[in-house]
């Protein structure tokens, strides 16, 4: 269970183009890095289609569960950009054209000689009660309503929006990590690693086989917000790995 002072987040990636494979998502990694830097524990990622009811259900589930919710995709000018509609429905509010959003867009369009039309004005529709998220790349804003932050799917714009909201977010305890490399397989380490995990419940321990090497390798990754406990657990893991190496006749110490 997360501690009382932990800050958590869920990410909702919206778009048929992601699920079909036509567009390869990079926003999950960017959001994970962003959350880690701020000490926010990204607990869940969902990828869903452009269906209003599915988005409503997912938004309501995530916003009830986590400190913050981030969404990407579906706030452009076309008919299938329905994220704003769905979020407004989830919160039970209207979705009018927002005067501030319209002014930002029209100022950009005037600079670029872009025609103002009904499709482009879809991007100025903002749920009542929401605050705008600045888009320094193309002007079309995202928005924040409650603990839900609705952002673009275009990676460059998404990252700019993350930077824009960073000062408004509270961070949690920074999570540090230690990686211990072992020259034996996961099957050899699984039992003793499980015993150590049971002893150090506040240190997350993961095992990751490294394929394509010239020998069997396993990386053991330990993560915790408590640096003293983390180093203590890491020392125990190094000792465990050294013993496994000795038993296998491998003349190689555990390596960080």
Protein backbone atom coordinates (compact mmCIF):
# COMPACT_ATOMS: atom_id res chain seq x y z
CA UNK A 1 0.00 0.00 0.00
CA UNK A 2 1.30 3.50 -0.75
CA UNK A 3 2.25 5.61 2.25
CA UNK A 4 0.17 8.59 3.33
CA UNK A 5 2.67 11.02 1.81
CA UNK A 6 3.00 9.25 -1.53
CA UNK A 7 1.92 11.03 -4.70
CA UNK A 8 0.49 8.75 -7.37
CA UNK A 9 -0.59 9.05 -10.98
CA UNK A 10 -2.38 7.17 -13.73
CA UNK A 11 -1.87 7.71 -17.46
CA UNK A 12 -4.60 7.30 -20.06
CA UNK A 13 -3.37 7.00 -23.67
CA UNK A 14 -6.27 7.58 -26.05
CA UNK A 15 -6.34 6.73 -29.73
CA UNK A 16 -7.31 4.06 -32.24
CA UNK A 17 -4.04 4.79 -34.04
CA UNK A 18 -2.08 3.56 -31.02
CA UNK A 19 -4.09 0.35 -30.70
CA UNK A 20 -3.84 -0.40 -34.43
CA UNK A 21 -0.07 0.03 -34.41
CA UNK A 22 -0.17 2.83 -36.97
CA UNK A 23 1.29 5.23 -34.41
CA UNK A 24 4.01 4.04 -32.04
CA UNK A 25 3.52 5.52 -28.59
CA UNK A 26 6.42 7.36 -26.95
CA UNK A 27 4.37 9.35 -24.44
CA UNK A 28 4.30 6.55 -21.87
CA UNK A 29 8.08 6.66 -21.46
CA UNK A 30 8.13 10.45 -21.41
CA UNK A 31 5.45 10.55 -18.72
CA UNK A 32 7.21 7.89 -16.66
CA UNK A 33 10.46 9.88 -16.76
CA UNK A 34 8.56 13.06 -15.88
CA UNK A 35 6.86 11.43 -12.89
CA UNK A 36 10.09 9.88 -11.63
CA UNK A 37 11.84 13.25 -11.74
CA UNK A 38 9.09 14.79 -9.60
CA UNK A 39 8.83 11.91 -7.15
CA UNK A 40 5.38 10.93 -8.46
CA UNK A 41 4.66 7.20 -8.50
CA UNK A 42 3.15 6.31 -11.88
CA UNK A 43 0.99 3.35 -10.90
CA UNK A 44 -1.04 2.54 -13.99
CA UNK A 45 -1.19 3.10 -17.75
CA UNK A 46 -4.24 2.37 -19.87
CA UNK A 47 -4.44 2.50 -23.67
CA UNK A 48 -7.99 2.85 -24.94
CA UNK A 49 -9.83 3.56 -28.18
CA UNK A 50 -11.60 6.70 -29.34
CA UNK A 51 -14.92 5.78 -27.74
CA UNK A 52 -16.63 8.33 -25.51
CA UNK A 53 -18.10 5.91 -22.99
CA UNK A 54 -14.81 4.02 -22.63
CA UNK A 55 -12.95 7.27 -21.96
CA UNK A 56 -15.56 8.35 -19.40
CA UNK A 57 -15.27 5.08 -17.50
CA UNK A 58 -11.47 5.16 -17.53
CA UNK A 59 -11.21 8.82 -16.48
CA UNK A 60 -13.61 8.33 -13.58
CA UNK A 61 -11.83 5.18 -12.43
CA UNK A 62 -8.35 6.71 -12.52
CA UNK A 63 -9.24 10.07 -10.98
CA UNK A 64 -10.81 8.32 -8.01
CA UNK A 65 -7.74 6.13 -7.51
CA UNK A 66 -4.73 8.41 -7.97
CA UNK A 67 -3.47 11.86 -6.99
CA UNK A 68 -3.14 12.87 -10.63
CA UNK A 69 -4.42 11.62 -13.97
CA UNK A 70 -2.70 12.48 -17.25
CA UNK A 71 -4.32 11.86 -20.63
CA UNK A 72 -2.77 12.06 -24.09
CA UNK A 73 -4.48 12.24 -27.44
CA UNK A 74 -7.83 13.22 -28.89
CA UNK A 75 -7.88 17.01 -28.52
CA UNK A 76 -7.30 17.99 -32.16
CA UNK A 77 -9.68 19.48 -34.76
CA UNK A 78 -11.25 16.37 -36.32
CA UNK A 79 -14.46 14.46 -35.60
CA UNK A 80 -12.64 11.63 -33.84
CA UNK A 81 -10.95 13.99 -31.38
CA UNK A 82 -13.44 13.34 -28.59
CA UNK A 83 -11.37 13.48 -25.41
CA UNK A 84 -12.69 16.90 -24.38
CA UNK A 85 -16.27 15.70 -24.92
CA UNK A 86 -15.65 12.59 -22.84
CA UNK A 87 -13.91 14.40 -19.98
CA UNK A 88 -16.72 16.97 -19.83
CA UNK A 89 -19.20 14.09 -19.66
CA UNK A 90 -17.17 12.38 -16.92
CA UNK A 91 -17.35 15.54 -14.81
CA UNK A 92 -20.93 16.32 -15.76
CA UNK A 93 -20.19 19.80 -17.14
CA UNK A 94 -20.79 21.68 -20.38
CA UNK A 95 -18.18 22.02 -23.13
CA UNK A 96 -18.40 25.54 -24.55
CA UNK A 97 -15.83 27.39 -26.64
CA UNK A 98 -13.50 28.98 -24.12
CA UNK A 99 -12.81 32.67 -24.80
CA UNK A 100 -9.21 32.51 -23.63
CA UNK A 101 -8.48 29.40 -25.67
CA UNK A 102 -10.09 30.94 -28.74
CA UNK A 103 -8.03 34.12 -28.34
CA UNK A 104 -4.80 32.10 -28.11
CA UNK A 105 -5.67 30.12 -31.22
CA UNK A 106 -6.81 33.08 -33.27
CA UNK A 107 -3.65 35.00 -32.42
CA UNK A 108 -1.57 32.09 -33.75
CA UNK A 109 -3.75 31.67 -36.82
CA UNK A 110 -3.43 35.37 -37.62
CA UNK A 111 0.36 35.01 -37.52
CA UNK A 112 0.32 32.00 -39.81
CA UNK A 113 -2.48 33.11 -42.14
CA UNK A 114 -4.64 30.16 -41.12
CA UNK A 115 -8.38 30.26 -41.76
CA UNK A 116 -10.68 30.21 -38.73
CA UNK A 117 -13.23 27.47 -39.29
CA UNK A 118 -15.54 25.23 -37.26
CA UNK A 119 -13.12 22.29 -37.24
CA UNK A 120 -10.23 24.33 -35.86
CA UNK A 121 -12.49 25.95 -33.25
CA UNK A 122 -13.13 22.48 -31.81
CA UNK A 123 -9.74 22.89 -30.18
CA UNK A 124 -11.08 25.88 -28.19
CA UNK A 125 -13.80 23.80 -26.53
CA UNK A 126 -12.90 23.48 -22.86
CA UNK A 127 -15.03 21.94 -20.08
CA UNK A 128 -16.59 24.49 -17.74
CA UNK A 129 -14.47 25.01 -14.64
CA UNK A 130 -11.24 23.82 -16.27
CA UNK A 131 -7.96 25.73 -16.42
CA UNK A 132 -5.90 25.88 -19.60
CA UNK A 133 -2.59 24.08 -20.04
CA UNK A 134 -0.27 26.21 -22.14
CA UNK A 135 0.91 24.81 -25.46
CA UNK A 136 4.11 26.64 -26.35
CA UNK A 137 4.49 24.68 -29.60
CA UNK A 138 1.25 25.20 -31.54
CA UNK A 139 -0.98 27.27 -29.21
CA UNK A 140 -3.90 24.79 -29.02
CA UNK A 141 -4.19 24.35 -25.24
CA UNK A 142 -4.77 21.36 -23.07
CA UNK A 143 -6.72 21.71 -19.85
CA UNK A 144 -6.88 20.66 -16.23
CA UNK A 145 -10.14 19.87 -14.46
CA UNK A 146 -10.03 18.47 -10.95
CA UNK A 147 -7.00 16.20 -10.82
CA UNK A 148 -7.21 15.32 -14.53
CA UNK A 149 -4.70 16.85 -16.95
CA UNK A 150 -5.74 16.55 -20.60
CA UNK A 151 -2.88 16.90 -23.08
CA UNK A 152 -2.03 16.42 -26.74
CA UNK A 153 -0.93 13.15 -28.28
CA UNK A 154 1.78 14.71 -30.46
CA UNK A 155 4.95 13.89 -28.49
CA UNK A 156 6.65 17.29 -28.86
CA UNK A 157 3.50 19.09 -27.68
CA UNK A 158 2.88 16.54 -24.94
CA UNK A 159 6.34 17.11 -23.47
CA UNK A 160 5.86 20.89 -23.63
CA UNK A 161 2.59 20.55 -21.75
CA UNK A 162 4.20 18.35 -19.10
CA UNK A 163 6.79 21.05 -18.53
CA UNK A 164 4.02 23.65 -18.30
CA UNK A 165 2.17 21.77 -15.56
CA UNK A 166 5.24 20.70 -13.58
CA UNK A 167 5.22 23.74 -11.24
CA UNK A 168 1.57 23.05 -10.35
CA UNK A 169 2.18 19.48 -9.19
CA UNK A 170 3.28 18.35 -5.78
CA UNK A 171 5.99 15.75 -5.70
CA UNK A 172 6.50 12.85 -3.37
CA UNK A 173 9.63 11.29 -1.97
CA UNK A 174 12.29 10.73 -4.60
CA UNK A 175 12.73 7.06 -5.46
CA UNK A 176 16.32 5.90 -5.89
CA UNK A 177 17.51 2.73 -7.54
CA UNK A 178 20.47 0.35 -7.43
CA UNK A 179 21.22 -2.23 -10.12
CA UNK A 180 23.20 -5.37 -9.31
CA UNK A 181 24.38 -7.49 -12.24
CA UNK A 182 24.61 -11.27 -11.97
CA UNK A 183 26.15 -13.79 -14.38
CA UNK A 184 23.54 -16.45 -13.62
CA UNK A 185 19.95 -16.90 -14.72
CA UNK A 186 16.76 -15.80 -13.02
CA UNK A 187 15.94 -19.37 -11.99
CA UNK A 188 19.07 -19.50 -9.85
CA UNK A 189 18.30 -16.22 -8.12
CA UNK A 190 14.51 -16.41 -7.84
CA UNK A 191 14.32 -18.23 -4.50
CA UNK A 192 16.83 -16.20 -2.48
CA UNK A 193 15.69 -12.94 -4.10
CA UNK A 194 12.13 -13.70 -3.01
CA UNK A 195 13.32 -14.26 0.55
CA UNK A 196 15.11 -10.91 0.55
CA UNK A 197 12.02 -9.18 -0.85
CA UNK A 198 10.02 -10.60 2.06
CA UNK A 199 12.55 -9.11 4.49
CA UNK A 200 12.67 -5.70 2.79
CA UNK A 201 9.05 -4.93 1.93
CA UNK A 202 9.79 -1.21 1.47
CA UNK A 203 12.37 -1.93 -1.23
CA UNK A 204 10.97 -3.05 -4.58
CA UNK A 205 13.11 -5.77 -6.13
CA UNK A 206 12.86 -6.71 -9.79
CA UNK A 207 14.70 -9.30 -11.88
CA UNK A 208 15.41 -8.66 -15.57
CA UNK A 209 17.18 -11.19 -17.83
CA UNK A 210 19.51 -9.64 -20.39
CA UNK A 211 19.16 -11.38 -23.74
CA UNK A 212 21.60 -11.33 -26.62
CA UNK A 213 24.70 -11.31 -24.41
CA UNK A 214 27.69 -13.63 -24.84
CA UNK A 215 26.81 -15.17 -21.47
CA UNK A 216 23.79 -15.45 -19.21
CA UNK A 217 23.19 -12.18 -17.38
CA UNK A 218 20.49 -10.98 -15.00
CA UNK A 219 20.03 -7.45 -13.73
CA UNK A 220 18.50 -7.09 -10.28
CA UNK A 221 17.00 -3.64 -9.77
CA UNK A 222 16.18 -2.34 -6.29
CA UNK A 223 14.08 0.80 -5.77
CA UNK A 224 13.20 2.70 -2.59
CA UNK A 225 12.73 6.22 -1.24
CA UNK A 226 14.78 5.26 1.85
CA UNK A 227 18.49 5.49 0.91
CA UNK A 228 19.74 3.71 4.04
CA UNK A 229 17.34 0.79 3.64
CA UNK A 230 18.08 0.65 -0.08
CA UNK A 231 21.83 0.32 0.45
CA UNK A 232 21.34 -2.28 3.19
CA UNK A 233 19.15 -4.38 0.91
CA UNK A 234 21.57 -3.90 -2.01
CA UNK A 235 24.44 -5.23 0.12
CA UNK A 236 22.39 -8.35 0.87
CA UNK A 237 21.66 -8.81 -2.83
CA UNK A 238 25.35 -8.42 -3.71
CA UNK A 239 26.21 -11.09 -1.14
CA UNK A 240 23.50 -13.36 -2.57
CA UNK A 241 24.84 -12.89 -6.10
CA UNK A 242 28.43 -13.54 -5.01
CA UNK A 243 27.31 -16.81 -3.40
CA UNK A 244 25.46 -17.83 -6.57
CA UNK A 245 28.57 -17.08 -8.63
CA UNK A 246 30.75 -19.14 -6.30
CA UNK A 247 28.37 -22.09 -6.41
CA UNK A 248 28.34 -21.94 -10.22
CA UNK A 249 32.13 -21.70 -10.39
CA UNK A 250 32.03 -18.20 -11.84
CA UNK A 251 34.95 -15.99 -10.90
CA UNK A 252 33.05 -12.71 -11.15
CA UNK A 253 31.84 -10.46 -8.33
CA UNK A 254 28.39 -8.91 -8.27
CA UNK A 255 28.59 -5.66 -10.23
CA UNK A 256 26.71 -2.39 -9.89
